[in-house]
């Protein structure tokens, strides 16, 4: 799992049947100092996150499990939590 920021939304009227009813958001991983790391990606939202929120993302088979999808579902990243606060000791 990792932290990311929701950067935007995705609207797709034509998509795989296993994604119908799923909310799609553009997310980007956050580094230790809150900076954006890597490229943005599309994630399935299971917790009602919104643009600008910091979220917890899981990937791979755990992401499919979190959406209650079957193993063949085309899901690779799922938002599983909304972050209220982050504390990092240095």
PDB file of N, CA and C in Angstrom:
ATOM      1  N   UNK A   1       0.841  -1.175   0.000  1.00  0.00           N
ATOM      2  CA  UNK A   1       0.000   0.000   0.000  1.00  0.00           C
ATOM      3  C   UNK A   1       0.889   1.243   0.000  1.00  0.00           C
ATOM      4  N   UNK A   2       0.325   2.327  -0.470  1.00  0.00           N
ATOM      5  CA  UNK A   2       1.057   3.589  -0.484  1.00  0.00           C
ATOM      6  C   UNK A   2       0.094   4.758  -0.429  1.00  0.00           C
ATOM      7  N   UNK A   3       0.625   5.937  -0.156  1.00  0.00           N
ATOM      8  CA  UNK A   3      -0.178   7.151  -0.117  1.00  0.00           C
ATOM      9  C   UNK A   3      -0.166   7.823  -1.472  1.00  0.00           C
ATOM     10  N   UNK A   4      -1.299   8.431  -1.812  1.00  0.00           N
ATOM     11  CA  UNK A   4      -1.421   9.142  -3.085  1.00  0.00           C
ATOM     12  C   UNK A   4      -2.393  10.295  -2.900  1.00  0.00           C
ATOM     13  N   UNK A   5      -2.377  11.187  -3.857  1.00  0.00           N
ATOM     14  CA  UNK A   5      -3.306  12.304  -3.874  1.00  0.00           C
ATOM     15  C   UNK A   5      -4.243  12.112  -5.062  1.00  0.00           C
ATOM     16  N   UNK A   6      -5.541  12.381  -4.839  1.00  0.00           N
ATOM     17  CA  UNK A   6      -6.509  12.321  -5.939  1.00  0.00           C
ATOM     18  C   UNK A   6      -6.366  13.603  -6.738  1.00  0.00           C
ATOM     19  N   UNK A   7      -6.046  13.466  -8.018  1.00  0.00           N
ATOM     20  CA  UNK A   7      -5.789  14.631  -8.874  1.00  0.00           C
ATOM     21  C   UNK A   7      -6.956  14.965  -9.778  1.00  0.00           C
ATOM     22  N   UNK A   8      -7.865  13.994 -10.012  1.00  0.00           N
ATOM     23  CA  UNK A   8      -8.978  14.256 -10.906  1.00  0.00           C
ATOM     24  C   UNK A   8      -9.899  13.054 -11.033  1.00  0.00           C
ATOM     25  N   UNK A   9     -10.868  13.191 -11.912  1.00  0.00           N
ATOM     26  CA  UNK A   9     -11.847  12.125 -12.136  1.00  0.00           C
ATOM     27  C   UNK A   9     -11.750  11.620 -13.573  1.00  0.00           C
ATOM     28  N   UNK A  10     -12.282  10.437 -13.790  1.00  0.00           N
ATOM     29  CA  UNK A  10     -12.323   9.853 -15.131  1.00  0.00           C
ATOM     30  C   UNK A  10     -13.765   9.464 -15.423  1.00  0.00           C
ATOM     31  N   UNK A  11     -14.270   9.897 -16.576  1.00  0.00           N
ATOM     32  CA  UNK A  11     -15.597   9.488 -17.031  1.00  0.00           C
ATOM     33  C   UNK A  11     -15.401   8.621 -18.259  1.00  0.00           C
ATOM     34  N   UNK A  12     -15.936   7.405 -18.203  1.00  0.00           N
ATOM     35  CA  UNK A  12     -15.793   6.472 -19.313  1.00  0.00           C
ATOM     36  C   UNK A  12     -17.140   5.795 -19.548  1.00  0.00           C
ATOM     37  N   UNK A  13     -17.817   6.204 -20.611  1.00  0.00           N
ATOM     38  CA  UNK A  13     -19.125   5.619 -20.886  1.00  0.00           C
ATOM     39  C   UNK A  13     -19.015   4.257 -21.553  1.00  0.00           C
ATOM     40  N   UNK A  14     -17.867   3.980 -22.149  1.00  0.00           N
ATOM     41  CA  UNK A  14     -17.635   2.682 -22.775  1.00  0.00           C
ATOM     42  C   UNK A  14     -16.442   2.034 -22.079  1.00  0.00           C
ATOM     43  N   UNK A  15     -16.710   0.939 -21.342  1.00  0.00           N
ATOM     44  CA  UNK A  15     -15.644   0.281 -20.596  1.00  0.00           C
ATOM     45  C   UNK A  15     -15.981  -1.184 -20.381  1.00  0.00           C
ATOM     46  N   UNK A  16     -15.028  -1.943 -19.911  1.00  0.00           N
ATOM     47  CA  UNK A  16     -15.211  -3.353 -19.605  1.00  0.00           C
ATOM     48  C   UNK A  16     -16.415  -3.508 -18.674  1.00  0.00           C
ATOM     49  N   UNK A  17     -17.233  -4.508 -18.908  1.00  0.00           N
ATOM     50  CA  UNK A  17     -18.450  -4.724 -18.125  1.00  0.00           C
ATOM     51  C   UNK A  17     -18.163  -4.877 -16.636  1.00  0.00           C
ATOM     52  N   UNK A  18     -16.988  -5.386 -16.292  1.00  0.00           N
ATOM     53  CA  UNK A  18     -16.642  -5.573 -14.871  1.00  0.00           C
ATOM     54  C   UNK A  18     -16.311  -4.271 -14.176  1.00  0.00           C
ATOM     55  N   UNK A  19     -16.224  -3.168 -14.934  1.00  0.00           N
ATOM     56  CA  UNK A  19     -15.955  -1.855 -14.346  1.00  0.00           C
ATOM     57  C   UNK A  19     -17.207  -0.982 -14.258  1.00  0.00           C
ATOM     58  N   UNK A  20     -18.324  -1.487 -14.776  1.00  0.00           N
ATOM     59  CA  UNK A  20     -19.572  -0.720 -14.729  1.00  0.00           C
ATOM     60  C   UNK A  20     -19.952  -0.494 -13.265  1.00  0.00           C
ATOM     61  N   UNK A  21     -20.264   0.741 -12.936  1.00  0.00           N
ATOM     62  CA  UNK A  21     -20.643   1.090 -11.573  1.00  0.00           C
ATOM     63  C   UNK A  21     -19.465   1.485 -10.693  1.00  0.00           C
ATOM     64  N   UNK A  22     -18.250   1.383 -11.213  1.00  0.00           N
ATOM     65  CA  UNK A  22     -17.054   1.755 -10.447  1.00  0.00           C
ATOM     66  C   UNK A  22     -16.730   3.224 -10.664  1.00  0.00           C
ATOM     67  N   UNK A  23     -16.393   3.924  -9.593  1.00  0.00           N
ATOM     68  CA  UNK A  23     -15.944   5.308  -9.679  1.00  0.00           C
ATOM     69  C   UNK A  23     -14.448   5.289  -9.964  1.00  0.00           C
ATOM     70  N   UNK A  24     -14.033   5.989 -11.013  1.00  0.00           N
ATOM     71  CA  UNK A  24     -12.630   6.024 -11.432  1.00  0.00           C
ATOM     72  C   UNK A  24     -12.033   7.390 -11.118  1.00  0.00           C
ATOM     73  N   UNK A  25     -10.873   7.384 -10.462  1.00  0.00           N
ATOM     74  CA  UNK A  25     -10.198   8.631 -10.118  1.00  0.00           C
ATOM     75  C   UNK A  25      -8.749   8.607 -10.584  1.00  0.00           C
ATOM     76  N   UNK A  26      -8.236   9.770 -10.951  1.00  0.00           N
ATOM     77  CA  UNK A  26      -6.822   9.904 -11.301  1.00  0.00           C
ATOM     78  C   UNK A  26      -6.063  10.159  -9.993  1.00  0.00           C
ATOM     79  N   UNK A  27      -5.091   9.297  -9.707  1.00  0.00           N
ATOM     80  CA  UNK A  27      -4.301   9.421  -8.479  1.00  0.00           C
ATOM     81  C   UNK A  27      -2.820   9.483  -8.824  1.00  0.00           C
ATOM     82  N   UNK A  28      -2.047  10.060  -7.904  1.00  0.00           N
ATOM     83  CA  UNK A  28      -0.602  10.091  -8.092  1.00  0.00           C
ATOM     84  C   UNK A  28       0.070   9.851  -6.745  1.00  0.00           C
ATOM     85  N   UNK A  29       1.024   8.934  -6.746  1.00  0.00           N
ATOM     86  CA  UNK A  29       1.753   8.542  -5.530  1.00  0.00           C
ATOM     87  C   UNK A  29       2.442   9.747  -4.902  1.00  0.00           C
ATOM     88  N   UNK A  30       2.516   9.729  -3.557  1.00  0.00           N
ATOM     89  CA  UNK A  30       3.188  10.781  -2.812  1.00  0.00           C
ATOM     90  C   UNK A  30       4.472  10.249  -2.196  1.00  0.00           C
ATOM     91  N   UNK A  31       5.514  11.082  -2.207  1.00  0.00           N
ATOM     92  CA  UNK A  31       6.772  10.754  -1.544  1.00  0.00           C
ATOM     93  C   UNK A  31       6.715  11.124  -0.077  1.00  0.00           C
ATOM     94  N   UNK A  32       7.783  10.889   0.638  1.00  0.00           N
ATOM     95  CA  UNK A  32       7.850  11.105   2.079  1.00  0.00           C
ATOM     96  C   UNK A  32       7.605  12.561   2.473  1.00  0.00           C
ATOM     97  N   UNK A  33       7.943  13.495   1.604  1.00  0.00           N
ATOM     98  CA  UNK A  33       7.737  14.917   1.896  1.00  0.00           C
ATOM     99  C   UNK A  33       6.465  15.473   1.252  1.00  0.00           C
ATOM    100  N   UNK A  34       5.611  14.599   0.757  1.00  0.00           N
ATOM    101  CA  UNK A  34       4.349  15.029   0.164  1.00  0.00           C
ATOM    102  C   UNK A  34       4.441  15.437  -1.293  1.00  0.00           C
ATOM    103  N   UNK A  35       5.601  15.228  -1.913  1.00  0.00           N
ATOM    104  CA  UNK A  35       5.771  15.584  -3.326  1.00  0.00           C
ATOM    105  C   UNK A  35       5.222  14.450  -4.209  1.00  0.00           C
ATOM    106  N   UNK A  36       4.798  14.811  -5.412  1.00  0.00           N
ATOM    107  CA  UNK A  36       4.318  13.804  -6.356  1.00  0.00           C
ATOM    108  C   UNK A  36       5.478  12.970  -6.877  1.00  0.00           C
ATOM    109  N   UNK A  37       5.251  11.666  -6.972  1.00  0.00           N
ATOM    110  CA  UNK A  37       6.267  10.723  -7.432  1.00  0.00           C
ATOM    111  C   UNK A  37       5.663   9.904  -8.572  1.00  0.00           C
ATOM    112  N   UNK A  38       6.414   9.716  -9.650  1.00  0.00           N
ATOM    113  CA  UNK A  38       5.945   8.887 -10.753  1.00  0.00           C
ATOM    114  C   UNK A  38       4.837   9.533 -11.557  1.00  0.00           C
ATOM    115  N   UNK A  39       4.177   8.700 -12.337  1.00  0.00           N
ATOM    116  CA  UNK A  39       3.125   9.165 -13.231  1.00  0.00           C
ATOM    117  C   UNK A  39       1.742   8.961 -12.609  1.00  0.00           C
ATOM    118  N   UNK A  40       0.774   9.825 -12.943  1.00  0.00           N
ATOM    119  CA  UNK A  40      -0.604   9.611 -12.475  1.00  0.00           C
ATOM    120  C   UNK A  40      -1.153   8.301 -13.044  1.00  0.00           C
ATOM    121  N   UNK A  41      -2.102   7.700 -12.327  1.00  0.00           N
ATOM    122  CA  UNK A  41      -2.753   6.490 -12.816  1.00  0.00           C
ATOM    123  C   UNK A  41      -4.220   6.506 -12.409  1.00  0.00           C
ATOM    124  N   UNK A  42      -4.997   5.656 -13.034  1.00  0.00           N
ATOM    125  CA  UNK A  42      -6.418   5.550 -12.727  1.00  0.00           C
ATOM    126  C   UNK A  42      -6.604   4.497 -11.643  1.00  0.00           C
ATOM    127  N   UNK A  43      -7.372   4.850 -10.606  1.00  0.00           N
ATOM    128  CA  UNK A  43      -7.654   3.937  -9.507  1.00  0.00           C
ATOM    129  C   UNK A  43      -9.156   3.819  -9.310  1.00  0.00           C
ATOM    130  N   UNK A  44      -9.600   2.642  -8.862  1.00  0.00           N
ATOM    131  CA  UNK A  44     -10.998   2.432  -8.502  1.00  0.00           C
ATOM    132  C   UNK A  44     -11.206   2.967  -7.095  1.00  0.00           C
ATOM    133  N   UNK A  45     -12.291   3.724  -6.882  1.00  0.00           N
ATOM    134  CA  UNK A  45     -12.576   4.288  -5.566  1.00  0.00           C
ATOM    135  C   UNK A  45     -13.626   3.437  -4.854  1.00  0.00           C
ATOM    136  N   UNK A  46     -13.278   2.899  -3.681  1.00  0.00           N
ATOM    137  CA  UNK A  46     -14.240   2.096  -2.909  1.00  0.00           C
ATOM    138  C   UNK A  46     -14.679   2.800  -1.628  1.00  0.00           C
ATOM    139  N   UNK A  47     -14.168   4.026  -1.380  1.00  0.00           N
ATOM    140  CA  UNK A  47     -14.435   4.683  -0.103  1.00  0.00           C
ATOM    141  C   UNK A  47     -15.050   6.080  -0.228  1.00  0.00           C
ATOM    142  N   UNK A  48     -15.326   6.549  -1.427  1.00  0.00           N
ATOM    143  CA  UNK A  48     -15.935   7.864  -1.607  1.00  0.00           C
ATOM    144  C   UNK A  48     -14.964   9.022  -1.535  1.00  0.00           C
ATOM    145  N   UNK A  49     -13.751   8.824  -2.033  1.00  0.00           N
ATOM    146  CA  UNK A  49     -12.729   9.874  -2.027  1.00  0.00           C
ATOM    147  C   UNK A  49     -13.069  10.962  -3.048  1.00  0.00           C
ATOM    148  N   UNK A  50     -12.491  12.139  -2.833  1.00  0.00           N
ATOM    149  CA  UNK A  50     -12.709  13.247  -3.746  1.00  0.00           C
ATOM    150  C   UNK A  50     -11.403  13.879  -4.175  1.00  0.00           C
ATOM    151  N   UNK A  51     -11.480  14.738  -5.166  1.00  0.00           N
ATOM    152  CA  UNK A  51     -10.300  15.422  -5.692  1.00  0.00           C
ATOM    153  C   UNK A  51      -9.646  16.231  -4.579  1.00  0.00           C
ATOM    154  N   UNK A  52      -8.316  16.121  -4.486  1.00  0.00           N
ATOM    155  CA  UNK A  52      -7.548  16.849  -3.493  1.00  0.00           C
ATOM    156  C   UNK A  52      -7.282  16.073  -2.222  1.00  0.00           C
ATOM    157  N   UNK A  53      -7.963  14.945  -2.031  1.00  0.00           N
ATOM    158  CA  UNK A  53      -7.764  14.171  -0.804  1.00  0.00           C
ATOM    159  C   UNK A  53      -6.550  13.255  -0.908  1.00  0.00           C
ATOM    160  N   UNK A  54      -5.919  13.023   0.229  1.00  0.00           N
ATOM    161  CA  UNK A  54      -4.839  12.047   0.316  1.00  0.00           C
ATOM    162  C   UNK A  54      -5.476  10.706   0.651  1.00  0.00           C
ATOM    163  N   UNK A  55      -5.070   9.674  -0.082  1.00  0.00           N
ATOM    164  CA  UNK A  55      -5.708   8.365   0.043  1.00  0.00           C
ATOM    165  C   UNK A  55      -4.679   7.259   0.188  1.00  0.00           C
ATOM    166  N   UNK A  56      -5.157   6.092   0.619  1.00  0.00           N
ATOM    167  CA  UNK A  56      -4.345   4.885   0.696  1.00  0.00           C
ATOM    168  C   UNK A  56      -4.723   4.009  -0.487  1.00  0.00           C
ATOM    169  N   UNK A  57      -3.730   3.544  -1.230  1.00  0.00           N
ATOM    170  CA  UNK A  57      -3.971   2.734  -2.420  1.00  0.00           C
ATOM    171  C   UNK A  57      -3.309   1.374  -2.257  1.00  0.00           C
ATOM    172  N   UNK A  58      -4.014   0.356  -2.700  1.00  0.00           N
ATOM    173  CA  UNK A  58      -3.434  -0.977  -2.787  1.00  0.00           C
ATOM    174  C   UNK A  58      -3.435  -1.380  -4.259  1.00  0.00           C
ATOM    175  N   UNK A  59      -2.492  -2.230  -4.627  1.00  0.00           N
ATOM    176  CA  UNK A  59      -2.355  -2.617  -6.035  1.00  0.00           C
ATOM    177  C   UNK A  59      -2.366  -4.127  -6.209  1.00  0.00           C
ATOM    178  N   UNK A  60      -2.449  -4.550  -7.461  1.00  0.00           N
ATOM    179  CA  UNK A  60      -2.366  -5.963  -7.814  1.00  0.00           C
ATOM    180  C   UNK A  60      -3.561  -6.773  -7.351  1.00  0.00           C
ATOM    181  N   UNK A  61      -3.309  -8.008  -6.926  1.00  0.00           N
ATOM    182  CA  UNK A  61      -4.407  -8.900  -6.536  1.00  0.00           C
ATOM    183  C   UNK A  61      -5.159  -8.347  -5.326  1.00  0.00           C
ATOM    184  N   UNK A  62      -4.471  -7.633  -4.448  1.00  0.00           N
ATOM    185  CA  UNK A  62      -5.151  -7.008  -3.307  1.00  0.00           C
ATOM    186  C   UNK A  62      -6.147  -5.957  -3.776  1.00  0.00           C
ATOM    187  N   UNK A  63      -5.828  -5.259  -4.853  1.00  0.00           N
ATOM    188  CA  UNK A  63      -6.732  -4.249  -5.401  1.00  0.00           C
ATOM    189  C   UNK A  63      -8.005  -4.893  -5.938  1.00  0.00           C
ATOM    190  N   UNK A  64      -7.858  -6.023  -6.607  1.00  0.00           N
ATOM    191  CA  UNK A  64      -9.036  -6.734  -7.104  1.00  0.00           C
ATOM    192  C   UNK A  64      -9.883  -7.254  -5.949  1.00  0.00           C
ATOM    193  N   UNK A  65      -9.228  -7.774  -4.930  1.00  0.00           N
ATOM    194  CA  UNK A  65      -9.941  -8.287  -3.757  1.00  0.00           C
ATOM    195  C   UNK A  65     -10.731  -7.171  -3.078  1.00  0.00           C
ATOM    196  N   UNK A  66     -10.138  -5.983  -2.979  1.00  0.00           N
ATOM    197  CA  UNK A  66     -10.784  -4.850  -2.312  1.00  0.00           C
ATOM    198  C   UNK A  66     -12.044  -4.401  -3.032  1.00  0.00           C
ATOM    199  N   UNK A  67     -12.117  -4.628  -4.343  1.00  0.00           N
ATOM    200  CA  UNK A  67     -13.302  -4.234  -5.103  1.00  0.00           C
ATOM    201  C   UNK A  67     -14.340  -5.341  -5.156  1.00  0.00           C
ATOM    202  N   UNK A  68     -14.016  -6.484  -4.544  1.00  0.00           N
ATOM    203  CA  UNK A  68     -14.888  -7.667  -4.565  1.00  0.00           C
ATOM    204  C   UNK A  68     -15.107  -8.170  -5.990  1.00  0.00           C
ATOM    205  N   UNK A  69     -14.111  -7.939  -6.841  1.00  0.00           N
ATOM    206  CA  UNK A  69     -14.163  -8.391  -8.232  1.00  0.00           C
ATOM    207  C   UNK A  69     -13.555  -9.774  -8.348  1.00  0.00           C
ATOM    208  N   UNK A  70     -13.830 -10.428  -9.458  1.00  0.00           N
ATOM    209  CA  UNK A  70     -13.209 -11.730  -9.677  1.00  0.00           C
ATOM    210  C   UNK A  70     -11.747 -11.563 -10.066  1.00  0.00           C
ATOM    211  N   UNK A  71     -11.024 -12.654 -10.038  1.00  0.00           N
ATOM    212  CA  UNK A  71      -9.578 -12.618 -10.287  1.00  0.00           C
ATOM    213  C   UNK A  71      -9.227 -12.119 -11.683  1.00  0.00           C
ATOM    214  N   UNK A  72     -10.152 -12.224 -12.621  1.00  0.00           N
ATOM    215  CA  UNK A  72      -9.884 -11.794 -13.986  1.00  0.00           C
ATOM    216  C   UNK A  72     -10.270 -10.330 -14.223  1.00  0.00           C
ATOM    217  N   UNK A  73     -10.723  -9.641 -13.201  1.00  0.00           N
ATOM    218  CA  UNK A  73     -11.144  -8.255 -13.339  1.00  0.00           C
ATOM    219  C   UNK A  73      -9.952  -7.367 -13.705  1.00  0.00           C
ATOM    220  N   UNK A  74     -10.151  -6.376 -14.580  1.00  0.00           N
ATOM    221  CA  UNK A  74      -9.051  -5.514 -15.028  1.00  0.00           C
ATOM    222  C   UNK A  74      -8.751  -4.369 -14.059  1.00  0.00           C
ATOM    223  N   UNK A  75      -8.608  -4.686 -12.779  1.00  0.00           N
ATOM    224  CA  UNK A  75      -8.332  -3.682 -11.754  1.00  0.00           C
ATOM    225  C   UNK A  75      -6.905  -3.867 -11.259  1.00  0.00           C
ATOM    226  N   UNK A  76      -6.135  -2.767 -11.223  1.00  0.00           N
ATOM    227  CA  UNK A  76      -4.762  -2.852 -10.734  1.00  0.00           C
ATOM    228  C   UNK A  76      -4.492  -1.923  -9.558  1.00  0.00           C
ATOM    229  N   UNK A  77      -5.342  -0.914  -9.342  1.00  0.00           N
ATOM    230  CA  UNK A  77      -5.142   0.017  -8.235  1.00  0.00           C
ATOM    231  C   UNK A  77      -6.502   0.389  -7.644  1.00  0.00           C
ATOM    232  N   UNK A  78      -6.623   0.247  -6.315  1.00  0.00           N
ATOM    233  CA  UNK A  78      -7.879   0.546  -5.631  1.00  0.00           C
ATOM    234  C   UNK A  78      -7.623   1.443  -4.433  1.00  0.00           C
ATOM    235  N   UNK A  79      -8.456   2.478  -4.295  1.00  0.00           N
ATOM    236  CA  UNK A  79      -8.401   3.349  -3.129  1.00  0.00           C
ATOM    237  C   UNK A  79      -9.148   2.640  -2.007  1.00  0.00           C
ATOM    238  N   UNK A  80      -8.437   2.392  -0.890  1.00  0.00           N
ATOM    239  CA  UNK A  80      -9.043   1.650   0.219  1.00  0.00           C
ATOM    240  C   UNK A  80      -9.160   2.481   1.496  1.00  0.00           C
ATOM    241  N   UNK A  81      -8.704   3.726   1.477  1.00  0.00           N
ATOM    242  CA  UNK A  81      -8.817   4.570   2.663  1.00  0.00           C
ATOM    243  C   UNK A  81      -8.577   6.030   2.337  1.00  0.00           C
ATOM    244  N   UNK A  82      -9.195   6.902   3.137  1.00  0.00           N
ATOM    245  CA  UNK A  82      -8.966   8.344   3.045  1.00  0.00           C
ATOM    246  C   UNK A  82      -8.169   8.741   4.278  1.00  0.00           C
ATOM    247  N   UNK A  83      -7.067   9.450   4.070  1.00  0.00           N
ATOM    248  CA  UNK A  83      -6.152   9.806   5.160  1.00  0.00           C
ATOM    249  C   UNK A  83      -6.634  11.078   5.853  1.00  0.00           C
ATOM    250  N   UNK A  84      -6.731  11.001   7.183  1.00  0.00           N
ATOM    251  CA  UNK A  84      -7.094  12.174   7.975  1.00  0.00           C
ATOM    252  C   UNK A  84      -5.856  12.941   8.432  1.00  0.00           C
ATOM    253  N   UNK A  85      -4.799  12.204   8.761  1.00  0.00           N
ATOM    254  CA  UNK A  85      -3.599  12.838   9.301  1.00  0.00           C
ATOM    255  C   UNK A  85      -2.396  11.943   9.060  1.00  0.00           C
ATOM    256  N   UNK A  86      -1.249  12.551   8.854  1.00  0.00           N
ATOM    257  CA  UNK A  86       0.001  11.817   8.687  1.00  0.00           C
ATOM    258  C   UNK A  86       1.021  12.373   9.669  1.00  0.00           C
ATOM    259  N   UNK A  87       1.662  11.488  10.418  1.00  0.00           N
ATOM    260  CA  UNK A  87       2.735  11.898  11.321  1.00  0.00           C
ATOM    261  C   UNK A  87       3.951  11.069  10.990  1.00  0.00           C
ATOM    262  N   UNK A  88       5.072  11.733  10.690  1.00  0.00           N
ATOM    263  CA  UNK A  88       6.323  11.046  10.350  1.00  0.00           C
ATOM    264  C   UNK A  88       7.417  11.588  11.258  1.00  0.00           C
ATOM    265  N   UNK A  89       8.055  10.687  11.991  1.00  0.00           N
ATOM    266  CA  UNK A  89       9.179  11.090  12.837  1.00  0.00           C
ATOM    267  C   UNK A  89      10.449  11.100  12.018  1.00  0.00           C
ATOM    268  N   UNK A  90      11.266  12.083  12.244  1.00  0.00           N
ATOM    269  CA  UNK A  90      12.538  12.199  11.506  1.00  0.00           C
ATOM    270  C   UNK A  90      13.683  12.239  12.469  1.00  0.00           C
TER     271      UNK A  90
END
